[in-house]
Amino acid sequence: MSTSLLFLGLLFGSIGAGYCVYGRRQRALIPFLSGLLLIGIPYFIASVAALVVVGVVLAALPFFVKV
């Protein structure tokens, strides 16, 4: 495990925690699920490039998908 993976996991996990809190309080499904995925995905991805791509896509998802 590299330092980059740890830092990116912390960054995307923090963004995910914010999305979870926001989604739960606003009763919005997409930000809540995106937040859960952002919290959990660093445990399963071992590549820095893949983590950045998936993290950016999941972080941007609530801005483009409105339900």
N, C-alpha and C. Protein backbone atom coordinates (compact mmCIF):
# COMPACT_ATOMS: atom_id res chain seq x y z
N MET A 1 0.85 -1.17 0.00
CA MET A 1 0.00 0.00 0.00
C MET A 1 0.90 1.24 0.00
N SER A 2 0.59 2.16 -0.88
CA SER A 2 1.41 3.36 -1.01
C SER A 2 0.77 4.53 -0.27
N THR A 3 1.56 5.56 -0.10
CA THR A 3 1.08 6.77 0.55
C THR A 3 -0.02 7.43 -0.27
N SER A 4 0.10 7.36 -1.58
CA SER A 4 -0.92 7.95 -2.46
C SER A 4 -2.28 7.29 -2.26
N LEU A 5 -2.28 5.96 -2.15
CA LEU A 5 -3.54 5.26 -1.93
C LEU A 5 -4.16 5.64 -0.59
N LEU A 6 -3.33 5.77 0.44
CA LEU A 6 -3.86 6.15 1.75
C LEU A 6 -4.46 7.56 1.72
N PHE A 7 -3.75 8.49 1.10
CA PHE A 7 -4.24 9.86 1.03
C PHE A 7 -5.52 9.95 0.20
N LEU A 8 -5.55 9.28 -0.95
CA LEU A 8 -6.74 9.32 -1.79
C LEU A 8 -7.92 8.63 -1.11
N GLY A 9 -7.66 7.55 -0.40
CA GLY A 9 -8.72 6.89 0.36
C GLY A 9 -9.30 7.80 1.42
N LEU A 10 -8.44 8.55 2.10
CA LEU A 10 -8.90 9.51 3.09
C LEU A 10 -9.70 10.64 2.44
N LEU A 11 -9.21 11.14 1.31
CA LEU A 11 -9.89 12.22 0.61
C LEU A 11 -11.28 11.79 0.13
N PHE A 12 -11.36 10.67 -0.58
CA PHE A 12 -12.65 10.24 -1.10
C PHE A 12 -13.57 9.75 0.02
N GLY A 13 -13.02 9.19 1.07
CA GLY A 13 -13.84 8.81 2.22
C GLY A 13 -14.46 10.01 2.91
N SER A 14 -13.69 11.10 3.00
CA SER A 14 -14.22 12.33 3.60
C SER A 14 -15.33 12.94 2.75
N ILE A 15 -15.12 12.97 1.45
CA ILE A 15 -16.16 13.46 0.54
C ILE A 15 -17.40 12.57 0.65
N GLY A 16 -17.18 11.26 0.72
CA GLY A 16 -18.29 10.32 0.86
C GLY A 16 -19.06 10.51 2.15
N ALA A 17 -18.36 10.79 3.24
CA ALA A 17 -19.05 11.04 4.51
C ALA A 17 -19.92 12.28 4.42
N GLY A 18 -19.41 13.31 3.75
CA GLY A 18 -20.22 14.51 3.56
C GLY A 18 -21.45 14.24 2.72
N TYR A 19 -21.29 13.47 1.65
CA TYR A 19 -22.44 13.11 0.82
C TYR A 19 -23.45 12.26 1.60
N CYS A 20 -22.98 11.37 2.45
CA CYS A 20 -23.89 10.54 3.24
C CYS A 20 -24.72 11.39 4.19
N VAL A 21 -24.08 12.31 4.87
CA VAL A 21 -24.79 13.19 5.80
C VAL A 21 -25.79 14.05 5.04
N TYR A 22 -25.36 14.64 3.93
CA TYR A 22 -26.25 15.47 3.13
C TYR A 22 -27.43 14.66 2.60
N GLY A 23 -27.14 13.49 2.02
CA GLY A 23 -28.20 12.66 1.45
C GLY A 23 -29.20 12.18 2.48
N ARG A 24 -28.71 11.87 3.67
CA ARG A 24 -29.62 11.41 4.72
C ARG A 24 -30.51 12.54 5.22
N ARG A 25 -29.93 13.72 5.42
CA ARG A 25 -30.73 14.85 5.93
C ARG A 25 -31.72 15.37 4.89
N GLN A 26 -31.34 15.34 3.62
CA GLN A 26 -32.22 15.83 2.56
C GLN A 26 -33.11 14.73 1.99
N ARG A 27 -32.93 13.52 2.47
CA ARG A 27 -33.64 12.34 1.96
C ARG A 27 -33.46 12.19 0.45
N ALA A 28 -32.20 12.37 0.02
CA ALA A 28 -31.84 12.26 -1.39
C ALA A 28 -31.06 10.95 -1.57
N LEU A 29 -31.55 10.10 -2.45
CA LEU A 29 -30.98 8.76 -2.60
C LEU A 29 -29.62 8.77 -3.30
N ILE A 30 -29.48 9.53 -4.38
CA ILE A 30 -28.24 9.51 -5.17
C ILE A 30 -27.04 10.01 -4.36
N PRO A 31 -27.11 11.15 -3.68
CA PRO A 31 -25.94 11.55 -2.86
C PRO A 31 -25.63 10.56 -1.74
N PHE A 32 -26.66 9.98 -1.15
CA PHE A 32 -26.44 9.02 -0.07
C PHE A 32 -25.73 7.78 -0.58
N LEU A 33 -26.19 7.21 -1.68
CA LEU A 33 -25.55 6.01 -2.23
C LEU A 33 -24.15 6.31 -2.77
N SER A 34 -24.00 7.45 -3.38
CA SER A 34 -22.68 7.86 -3.85
C SER A 34 -21.72 8.00 -2.68
N GLY A 35 -22.18 8.55 -1.60
CA GLY A 35 -21.35 8.67 -0.40
C GLY A 35 -20.95 7.32 0.17
N LEU A 36 -21.89 6.41 0.23
CA LEU A 36 -21.56 5.06 0.72
C LEU A 36 -20.52 4.39 -0.16
N LEU A 37 -20.67 4.53 -1.46
CA LEU A 37 -19.70 3.93 -2.38
C LEU A 37 -18.33 4.61 -2.26
N LEU A 38 -18.32 5.93 -2.08
CA LEU A 38 -17.04 6.63 -1.91
C LEU A 38 -16.34 6.22 -0.62
N ILE A 39 -17.08 5.92 0.40
CA ILE A 39 -16.48 5.47 1.65
C ILE A 39 -15.90 4.06 1.49
N GLY A 40 -16.60 3.19 0.79
CA GLY A 40 -16.20 1.79 0.71
C GLY A 40 -15.25 1.43 -0.41
N ILE A 41 -15.23 2.20 -1.48
CA ILE A 41 -14.47 1.81 -2.66
C ILE A 41 -12.96 1.79 -2.45
N PRO A 42 -12.35 2.62 -1.59
CA PRO A 42 -10.89 2.52 -1.41
C PRO A 42 -10.41 1.19 -0.84
N TYR A 43 -11.31 0.44 -0.21
CA TYR A 43 -10.93 -0.87 0.33
C TYR A 43 -10.76 -1.92 -0.76
N PHE A 44 -11.35 -1.71 -1.92
CA PHE A 44 -11.37 -2.72 -2.96
C PHE A 44 -10.49 -2.39 -4.16
N ILE A 45 -10.03 -1.17 -4.29
CA ILE A 45 -9.22 -0.77 -5.45
C ILE A 45 -7.78 -0.57 -5.00
N ALA A 46 -6.85 -1.25 -5.68
CA ALA A 46 -5.44 -1.20 -5.29
C ALA A 46 -4.60 -0.36 -6.24
N SER A 47 -5.19 0.25 -7.24
CA SER A 47 -4.46 1.06 -8.20
C SER A 47 -4.80 2.53 -8.00
N VAL A 48 -3.77 3.36 -8.01
CA VAL A 48 -3.99 4.80 -7.80
C VAL A 48 -4.82 5.39 -8.94
N ALA A 49 -4.50 5.04 -10.16
CA ALA A 49 -5.22 5.59 -11.32
C ALA A 49 -6.69 5.17 -11.30
N ALA A 50 -6.95 3.91 -11.01
CA ALA A 50 -8.33 3.43 -10.97
C ALA A 50 -9.10 4.09 -9.83
N LEU A 51 -8.45 4.29 -8.69
CA LEU A 51 -9.11 4.93 -7.56
C LEU A 51 -9.47 6.38 -7.88
N VAL A 52 -8.58 7.07 -8.58
CA VAL A 52 -8.86 8.46 -8.96
C VAL A 52 -10.04 8.52 -9.93
N VAL A 53 -10.04 7.66 -10.93
CA VAL A 53 -11.12 7.66 -11.93
C VAL A 53 -12.45 7.35 -11.27
N VAL A 54 -12.51 6.28 -10.50
CA VAL A 54 -13.77 5.88 -9.86
C VAL A 54 -14.21 6.93 -8.84
N GLY A 55 -13.27 7.47 -8.08
CA GLY A 55 -13.61 8.48 -7.08
C GLY A 55 -14.16 9.75 -7.69
N VAL A 56 -13.55 10.20 -8.78
CA VAL A 56 -14.04 11.42 -9.44
C VAL A 56 -15.42 11.19 -10.04
N VAL A 57 -15.62 10.03 -10.65
CA VAL A 57 -16.93 9.73 -11.24
C VAL A 57 -18.00 9.68 -10.15
N LEU A 58 -17.72 9.01 -9.04
CA LEU A 58 -18.71 8.92 -7.97
C LEU A 58 -18.94 10.27 -7.29
N ALA A 59 -17.89 11.08 -7.19
CA ALA A 59 -18.06 12.40 -6.57
C ALA A 59 -18.87 13.34 -7.47
N ALA A 60 -18.77 13.17 -8.77
CA ALA A 60 -19.50 14.04 -9.71
C ALA A 60 -20.91 13.53 -9.99
N LEU A 61 -21.19 12.29 -9.67
CA LEU A 61 -22.49 11.68 -9.99
C LEU A 61 -23.68 12.47 -9.44
N PRO A 62 -23.69 12.93 -8.19
CA PRO A 62 -24.85 13.67 -7.70
C PRO A 62 -25.13 14.98 -8.42
N PHE A 63 -24.13 15.54 -9.08
CA PHE A 63 -24.34 16.79 -9.82
C PHE A 63 -25.03 16.56 -11.16
N PHE A 64 -24.89 15.35 -11.71
CA PHE A 64 -25.44 15.08 -13.03
C PHE A 64 -26.69 14.22 -13.01
N VAL A 65 -26.91 13.45 -11.95
CA VAL A 65 -28.09 12.59 -11.85
C VAL A 65 -29.01 13.17 -10.80
N LYS A 66 -30.17 13.60 -11.22
CA LYS A 66 -31.17 14.15 -10.30
C LYS A 66 -32.36 13.22 -10.27
N VAL A 67 -32.70 12.75 -9.08
CA VAL A 67 -33.86 11.86 -8.94
C VAL A 67 -34.84 12.49 -7.99
